[in-house]
Protein backbone atom coordinates (compact mmCIF):
# COMPACT_ATOMS: atom_id res chain seq x y z
CA MET A 1 166.95 75.20 96.66
CA LEU A 2 168.75 72.01 97.65
CA TYR A 3 167.16 68.67 96.97
CA ASP A 4 167.96 65.49 98.87
CA GLY A 5 165.58 63.10 97.07
CA PRO A 6 166.41 60.46 94.47
CA CYS A 7 168.06 61.77 91.31
CA PHE A 8 168.89 60.38 87.90
CA ALA A 9 171.15 61.51 85.09
CA ASP A 10 170.26 61.91 81.44
CA SER A 11 172.45 61.00 78.48
CA ALA A 12 174.17 64.39 78.68
CA GLY A 13 175.14 63.71 82.28
CA LEU A 14 172.73 66.25 83.76
CA SER A 15 171.10 65.08 86.94
CA TYR A 16 167.43 65.63 87.79
CA ALA A 17 165.26 65.06 90.81
CA SER A 18 162.69 62.42 89.77
CA ASP A 19 159.75 64.00 91.59
CA MET A 20 160.63 67.40 90.15
CA VAL A 21 160.53 65.92 86.65
CA SER A 22 157.16 64.29 87.30
CA ARG A 23 155.77 67.57 88.68
CA CYS A 24 156.99 69.42 85.60
CA ALA A 25 155.54 66.75 83.34
CA SER A 26 152.20 66.99 85.16
CA SER A 27 152.20 70.76 84.81
CA LEU A 28 153.08 70.53 81.14
CA PHE A 29 150.27 68.00 80.57
CA ALA A 30 147.79 70.31 82.32
CA VAL A 31 148.86 73.28 80.18
CA LEU A 32 148.58 71.22 76.99
CA LEU A 33 145.15 69.90 78.00
CA LEU A 34 143.86 73.39 78.76
CA SER A 35 145.21 74.72 75.47
CA VAL A 36 143.46 71.95 73.52
CA VAL A 37 140.19 72.46 75.40
CA GLY A 38 140.46 76.21 74.88
CA CYS A 39 140.88 75.75 71.13
CA GLY A 40 137.50 74.12 70.58
CA PRO A 41 134.50 76.08 69.37
CA PRO A 42 132.32 77.68 72.01
CA ALA A 43 129.30 75.67 73.11
CA ILE A 44 126.93 78.17 71.52
CA GLU A 45 128.25 77.25 68.05
CA GLY A 46 127.39 74.04 66.24
CA GLY A 47 123.82 73.36 67.24
CA PHE A 48 122.11 70.00 67.01
CA ASP A 49 124.54 68.56 64.43
CA SER A 50 127.70 69.40 66.37
CA ALA A 51 130.17 66.69 67.37
CA ASN A 52 130.63 68.70 70.57
CA PRO A 53 128.10 67.43 73.16
CA ALA A 54 128.20 70.80 74.94
CA ALA A 55 127.06 72.55 71.75
CA THR A 56 124.28 70.02 71.26
CA MET A 57 123.13 70.44 74.85
CA TYR A 58 123.20 74.22 74.42
CA ALA A 59 120.98 73.93 71.31
CA ILE A 60 118.56 71.64 73.16
CA GLU A 61 118.31 73.93 76.18
CA HIS A 62 117.96 77.02 74.00
CA ALA A 63 115.08 75.43 72.04
CA ALA A 64 113.32 74.37 75.26
CA ARG A 65 113.78 77.78 76.85
CA GLN A 66 112.36 79.47 73.75
CA GLY A 67 109.46 77.00 73.53
CA ASP A 68 110.59 76.20 69.98
CA GLN A 69 108.19 73.48 68.82
CA SER A 70 109.93 73.37 65.42
CA ALA A 71 113.00 71.89 67.14
CA VAL A 72 111.13 68.85 68.51
CA ARG A 73 112.24 66.57 65.64
CA GLN A 74 115.88 67.52 66.12
CA ILE A 75 115.62 66.97 69.85
CA ILE A 76 114.03 63.54 69.30
CA GLU A 77 117.10 62.60 67.20
CA GLN A 78 119.26 63.35 70.25
CA LEU A 79 117.47 60.65 72.28
CA ASP A 80 119.78 58.15 70.56
CA SER A 81 122.97 60.08 71.31
CA ASP A 82 126.03 58.25 72.60
CA ASP A 83 126.39 60.96 75.23
CA PRO A 84 124.24 60.34 78.34
CA GLY A 85 124.17 64.07 79.16
CA VAL A 86 122.74 64.87 75.72
CA ARG A 87 120.08 62.16 76.16
CA LEU A 88 119.12 63.46 79.60
CA MET A 89 118.92 67.04 78.31
CA ALA A 90 116.88 65.92 75.28
CA ILE A 91 114.20 64.07 77.24
CA GLY A 92 113.95 66.93 79.72
CA ALA A 93 113.45 69.41 76.89
CA LEU A 94 110.90 67.19 75.16
CA GLU A 95 108.96 66.84 78.37
CA ARG A 96 108.98 70.63 78.82
CA LEU A 97 107.89 71.21 75.22
CA THR A 98 105.28 68.46 74.90
CA GLY A 99 104.44 67.17 78.38
CA GLU A 100 105.30 63.63 77.19
CA ARG A 101 108.04 61.04 77.89
CA PHE A 102 106.65 57.96 76.10
CA GLY A 103 108.49 55.70 78.55
CA TYR A 104 111.92 57.00 77.55
CA ASP A 105 114.70 56.55 80.10
CA PRO A 106 118.07 58.09 79.13
CA GLY A 107 119.88 55.57 81.34
CA MET A 108 118.76 52.56 79.31
CA ASN A 109 121.13 50.97 76.84
CA ARG A 110 120.73 51.67 73.12
CA ILE A 111 118.56 48.60 72.44
CA GLU A 112 116.26 49.25 75.41
CA ARG A 113 115.79 52.89 74.35
CA GLN A 114 114.62 52.05 70.81
CA PRO A 115 110.91 51.31 71.54
CA ALA A 116 110.49 54.66 73.31
CA ILE A 117 112.35 56.47 70.53
CA GLN A 118 110.04 54.83 67.98
CA ARG A 119 107.04 56.07 69.99
CA TRP A 120 108.49 59.58 69.80
CA VAL A 121 109.03 59.27 66.04
CA ALA A 122 105.48 57.96 65.51
CA TRP A 123 104.10 60.78 67.65
CA VAL A 124 105.92 63.52 65.76
CA GLU A 125 104.96 62.03 62.39
CA ARG A 126 101.30 61.76 63.46
CA ASP A 127 101.44 65.34 64.71
CA ALA A 128 102.96 66.50 61.39
CA SER A 129 100.24 64.75 59.38
CA ILE A 130 97.55 66.39 61.54
CA ASP A 131 99.17 69.79 60.91
CA GLU A 132 99.26 69.05 57.17
CA GLU A 133 95.57 68.13 57.17
CA ARG A 134 94.71 71.32 59.05
CA SER A 135 96.70 73.37 56.51
CA ARG A 136 94.88 71.73 53.59
CA GLU A 137 91.49 72.35 55.23
CA GLN A 138 92.42 75.96 55.94
CA GLY A 139 93.59 76.40 52.34
CA ALA A 140 90.33 74.94 51.02
CA ARG A 141 88.31 77.29 53.24
CA ASP A 142 90.40 80.27 52.15
CA ALA A 143 89.90 79.36 48.46
CA SER A 144 86.11 79.26 48.75
């Protein structure tokens, strides 16, 4: 293939077509990017504590789909995530699991989100203390 475009020579005196070099560099970058992305752990590994937002979102969705009430605390922690997708997934899952939002908006900045997050924390702590009280009452009834 003959090329009539602008060329340049390297230090060894070999000449190259500049657009051909940029196309090769772009292709090489794409291959490197795909190889790095392909080397990460799958989204189903890592769970709530993963640094990979996709893994965190998978854990959130899995818990919501399973109706896993025991995951509510971990999902509440995700309301303060730096990743907007994780925050959106978390509030959606919490709403599915509890029917509540407590005024939380995942699009708010970190400071604006804090009052709603505190309402979630207070709610889950109140709910846990109610469950504890029920367990104690049940234990007392079983003992008598």
